[in-house]
Each structure stands twice: as C-alpha cells, then as structure tokens.
C-alpha cells in the first residue's frame, strides 16, 4: 500500500503538535494530510477504547515538515481543524492525545489517538 497516495486521495488536514522543552514551554505544530477514522466496535481490544481514532500519516509527508521526528506517546493531534492560509487556526478542531504512535516499517504511522 502506498501510504502517501492513500493520504493524498482520502486524507484531510490534521495538526500534529509536540510540546518543546523550552522554558516556558512552547509547541511545534505542523499541518499534514492524513486519513482519520474512529476505531470500530470490532477493533476495541487491548488499549483501544471507544472514542479512539486511527490517524494514518505517510512518513514522507511528515518528513517534509518541521515536526521533530516521528509521532510519540503524548504528542497531540488536532482533527477537523480550521486551516487558513496553510496554517492552523488555534483553538479550532478536536484535540486528541497520541496513545500509540504506531510506526509501520518506515512507510508511515498508524497513530492511535484519544480525546
């Protein structure tokens, strides 16, 4: 499966955010094209809970941004954001927390996020 083609065809804008170690803390935020869907009832096993989302991001898409590395547990993902002039309008969308970054052999990430 070509993840970049999938996300380009069926994706939507998602904001990935990571808190920096700066004092006071700041955030690095990027807008990426990703496939977003809620987990179905048949997928609610292990750590996956009702209301969790699967967010699929191509590694090449993420690498083309200034995001500091792959998604990590504790990062934030904003789904359904408002994007103006290519940038996220802060305070819009639904903020989720990355539970499982889900690396997939260098091709991309199947991120489990909860909010």
C-alpha atoms as a PDB file:
ATOM      1  CA  UNK A   1       0.000   0.000   0.000  1.00  0.00           C
ATOM      2  CA  UNK A   2       1.318   3.437  -0.926  1.00  0.00           C
ATOM      3  CA  UNK A   3       0.502   5.446   2.193  1.00  0.00           C
ATOM      4  CA  UNK A   4       1.366   8.804   0.606  1.00  0.00           C
ATOM      5  CA  UNK A   5      -1.083   8.152  -2.249  1.00  0.00           C
ATOM      6  CA  UNK A   6      -3.757   6.973   0.200  1.00  0.00           C
ATOM      7  CA  UNK A   7      -3.461  10.058   2.393  1.00  0.00           C
ATOM      8  CA  UNK A   8      -3.387  12.372  -0.625  1.00  0.00           C
ATOM      9  CA  UNK A   9      -6.523  10.765  -2.095  1.00  0.00           C
ATOM     10  CA  UNK A  10      -8.587  10.091   1.036  1.00  0.00           C
ATOM     11  CA  UNK A  11      -6.952  12.319   3.638  1.00  0.00           C
ATOM     12  CA  UNK A  12      -7.797  15.529   5.393  1.00  0.00           C
ATOM     13  CA  UNK A  13      -5.740  18.144   7.223  1.00  0.00           C
ATOM     14  CA  UNK A  14      -4.572  17.142  10.709  1.00  0.00           C
ATOM     15  CA  UNK A  15      -2.409  19.204  13.044  1.00  0.00           C
ATOM     16  CA  UNK A  16       0.381  17.368  14.867  1.00  0.00           C
ATOM     17  CA  UNK A  17       1.719  19.154  17.965  1.00  0.00           C
ATOM     18  CA  UNK A  18       4.622  18.497  20.312  1.00  0.00           C
ATOM     19  CA  UNK A  19       5.496  20.423  23.447  1.00  0.00           C
ATOM     20  CA  UNK A  20       9.100  21.611  23.374  1.00  0.00           C
ATOM     21  CA  UNK A  21      11.492  21.595  26.325  1.00  0.00           C
ATOM     22  CA  UNK A  22      11.779  25.389  26.204  1.00  0.00           C
ATOM     23  CA  UNK A  23      11.089  27.406  29.301  1.00  0.00           C
ATOM     24  CA  UNK A  24       8.342  28.500  29.202  1.00  0.00           C
ATOM     25  CA  UNK A  25       7.064  25.511  27.179  1.00  0.00           C
ATOM     26  CA  UNK A  26       6.139  26.119  23.555  1.00  0.00           C
ATOM     27  CA  UNK A  27       4.699  23.903  20.857  1.00  0.00           C
ATOM     28  CA  UNK A  28       5.886  22.783  17.445  1.00  0.00           C
ATOM     29  CA  UNK A  29       2.783  22.418  15.262  1.00  0.00           C
ATOM     30  CA  UNK A  30       2.516  21.224  11.664  1.00  0.00           C
ATOM     31  CA  UNK A  31      -0.388  20.574   9.306  1.00  0.00           C
ATOM     32  CA  UNK A  32      -0.243  17.229   7.466  1.00  0.00           C
ATOM     33  CA  UNK A  33      -2.579  15.340   5.174  1.00  0.00           C
ATOM     34  CA  UNK A  34      -3.801  12.199   6.985  1.00  0.00           C
ATOM     35  CA  UNK A  35      -6.568   9.630   6.911  1.00  0.00           C
ATOM     36  CA  UNK A  36      -8.684   9.860  10.077  1.00  0.00           C
ATOM     37  CA  UNK A  37     -11.310   7.414  11.255  1.00  0.00           C
ATOM     38  CA  UNK A  38     -12.754   6.266  14.572  1.00  0.00           C
ATOM     39  CA  UNK A  39     -11.978   2.713  15.609  1.00  0.00           C
ATOM     40  CA  UNK A  40     -14.958   0.400  15.080  1.00  0.00           C
ATOM     41  CA  UNK A  41     -16.594  -1.692  17.801  1.00  0.00           C
ATOM     42  CA  UNK A  42     -14.892  -4.835  16.447  1.00  0.00           C
ATOM     43  CA  UNK A  43     -11.477  -3.165  16.986  1.00  0.00           C
ATOM     44  CA  UNK A  44     -11.932  -2.372  20.690  1.00  0.00           C
ATOM     45  CA  UNK A  45      -9.277  -4.714  22.065  1.00  0.00           C
ATOM     46  CA  UNK A  46      -6.221  -4.186  24.239  1.00  0.00           C
ATOM     47  CA  UNK A  47      -5.586  -0.498  24.842  1.00  0.00           C
ATOM     48  CA  UNK A  48      -8.049   0.694  22.157  1.00  0.00           C
ATOM     49  CA  UNK A  49     -11.137   2.285  23.704  1.00  0.00           C
ATOM     50  CA  UNK A  50     -14.419   3.563  22.352  1.00  0.00           C
ATOM     51  CA  UNK A  51     -13.860   7.094  21.057  1.00  0.00           C
ATOM     52  CA  UNK A  52     -10.254   6.481  19.977  1.00  0.00           C
ATOM     53  CA  UNK A  53      -9.194   7.442  16.455  1.00  0.00           C
ATOM     54  CA  UNK A  54      -6.796   5.940  13.937  1.00  0.00           C
ATOM     55  CA  UNK A  55      -4.763   8.584  12.130  1.00  0.00           C
ATOM     56  CA  UNK A  56      -2.667   7.409   9.169  1.00  0.00           C
ATOM     57  CA  UNK A  57       0.245   9.663   8.192  1.00  0.00           C
ATOM     58  CA  UNK A  58       2.812   8.922   5.458  1.00  0.00           C
ATOM     59  CA  UNK A  59       6.426   9.071   6.640  1.00  0.00           C
ATOM     60  CA  UNK A  60       7.344  11.141   3.573  1.00  0.00           C
ATOM     61  CA  UNK A  61       4.615  13.678   4.364  1.00  0.00           C
ATOM     62  CA  UNK A  62       5.802  14.080   7.943  1.00  0.00           C
ATOM     63  CA  UNK A  63       9.467  14.258   6.902  1.00  0.00           C
ATOM     64  CA  UNK A  64       8.649  17.201   4.600  1.00  0.00           C
ATOM     65  CA  UNK A  65       7.588  19.261   7.644  1.00  0.00           C
ATOM     66  CA  UNK A  66       9.487  20.777  10.556  1.00  0.00           C
ATOM     67  CA  UNK A  67       7.986  18.267  13.006  1.00  0.00           C
ATOM     68  CA  UNK A  68      10.776  16.988  15.312  1.00  0.00           C
ATOM     69  CA  UNK A  69      10.807  13.292  14.431  1.00  0.00           C
ATOM     70  CA  UNK A  70       8.094  10.626  14.342  1.00  0.00           C
ATOM     71  CA  UNK A  71       4.927  10.857  16.454  1.00  0.00           C
ATOM     72  CA  UNK A  72       5.433   9.939  20.105  1.00  0.00           C
ATOM     73  CA  UNK A  73       3.209   8.961  23.007  1.00  0.00           C
ATOM     74  CA  UNK A  74       1.920  12.215  24.499  1.00  0.00           C
ATOM     75  CA  UNK A  75       2.035  14.265  21.286  1.00  0.00           C
ATOM     76  CA  UNK A  76      -1.211  15.924  20.265  1.00  0.00           C
ATOM     77  CA  UNK A  77      -3.244  15.563  17.092  1.00  0.00           C
ATOM     78  CA  UNK A  78      -5.987  18.016  16.156  1.00  0.00           C
ATOM     79  CA  UNK A  79      -8.654  16.630  13.850  1.00  0.00           C
ATOM     80  CA  UNK A  80     -11.206  18.770  11.995  1.00  0.00           C
ATOM     81  CA  UNK A  81      -9.039  21.890  12.365  1.00  0.00           C
ATOM     82  CA  UNK A  82      -9.738  25.170  10.626  1.00  0.00           C
ATOM     83  CA  UNK A  83      -6.867  25.939   8.240  1.00  0.00           C
ATOM     84  CA  UNK A  84      -6.352  29.483   6.950  1.00  0.00           C
ATOM     85  CA  UNK A  85      -3.525  30.368   4.552  1.00  0.00           C
ATOM     86  CA  UNK A  86      -1.977  26.931   5.166  1.00  0.00           C
ATOM     87  CA  UNK A  87      -1.808  27.389   8.948  1.00  0.00           C
ATOM     88  CA  UNK A  88      -3.898  26.043  11.801  1.00  0.00           C
ATOM     89  CA  UNK A  89      -6.280  28.496  13.444  1.00  0.00           C
ATOM     90  CA  UNK A  90      -5.506  27.821  17.110  1.00  0.00           C
ATOM     91  CA  UNK A  91      -8.438  26.739  19.221  1.00  0.00           C
ATOM     92  CA  UNK A  92     -10.255  25.018  16.357  1.00  0.00           C
ATOM     93  CA  UNK A  93     -10.784  21.312  15.828  1.00  0.00           C
ATOM     94  CA  UNK A  94     -10.838  18.399  18.253  1.00  0.00           C
ATOM     95  CA  UNK A  95      -7.621  17.869  20.214  1.00  0.00           C
ATOM     96  CA  UNK A  96      -6.526  14.272  20.794  1.00  0.00           C
ATOM     97  CA  UNK A  97      -3.537  12.799  22.634  1.00  0.00           C
ATOM     98  CA  UNK A  98      -1.338  10.210  20.919  1.00  0.00           C
ATOM     99  CA  UNK A  99      -1.546   6.933  22.836  1.00  0.00           C
ATOM    100  CA  UNK A 100       0.312   4.681  20.385  1.00  0.00           C
ATOM    101  CA  UNK A 101       2.430   6.233  17.610  1.00  0.00           C
ATOM    102  CA  UNK A 102       2.205   3.031  15.521  1.00  0.00           C
ATOM    103  CA  UNK A 103       5.287   3.166  13.264  1.00  0.00           C
ATOM    104  CA  UNK A 104       4.885   0.936  10.200  1.00  0.00           C
ATOM    105  CA  UNK A 105       8.302  -0.056   8.897  1.00  0.00           C
ATOM    106  CA  UNK A 106       9.333   3.392   7.692  1.00  0.00           C
ATOM    107  CA  UNK A 107       6.337   3.810   5.370  1.00  0.00           C
ATOM    108  CA  UNK A 108       4.189   5.759   7.773  1.00  0.00           C
ATOM    109  CA  UNK A 109       2.349   5.798  11.065  1.00  0.00           C
ATOM    110  CA  UNK A 110      -0.961   4.310  12.203  1.00  0.00           C
ATOM    111  CA  UNK A 111      -1.430   6.578  15.202  1.00  0.00           C
ATOM    112  CA  UNK A 112      -3.934   5.686  17.934  1.00  0.00           C
ATOM    113  CA  UNK A 113      -5.199   8.922  19.482  1.00  0.00           C
ATOM    114  CA  UNK A 114      -7.677   9.638  22.260  1.00  0.00           C
ATOM    115  CA  UNK A 115      -9.558  12.758  23.181  1.00  0.00           C
END
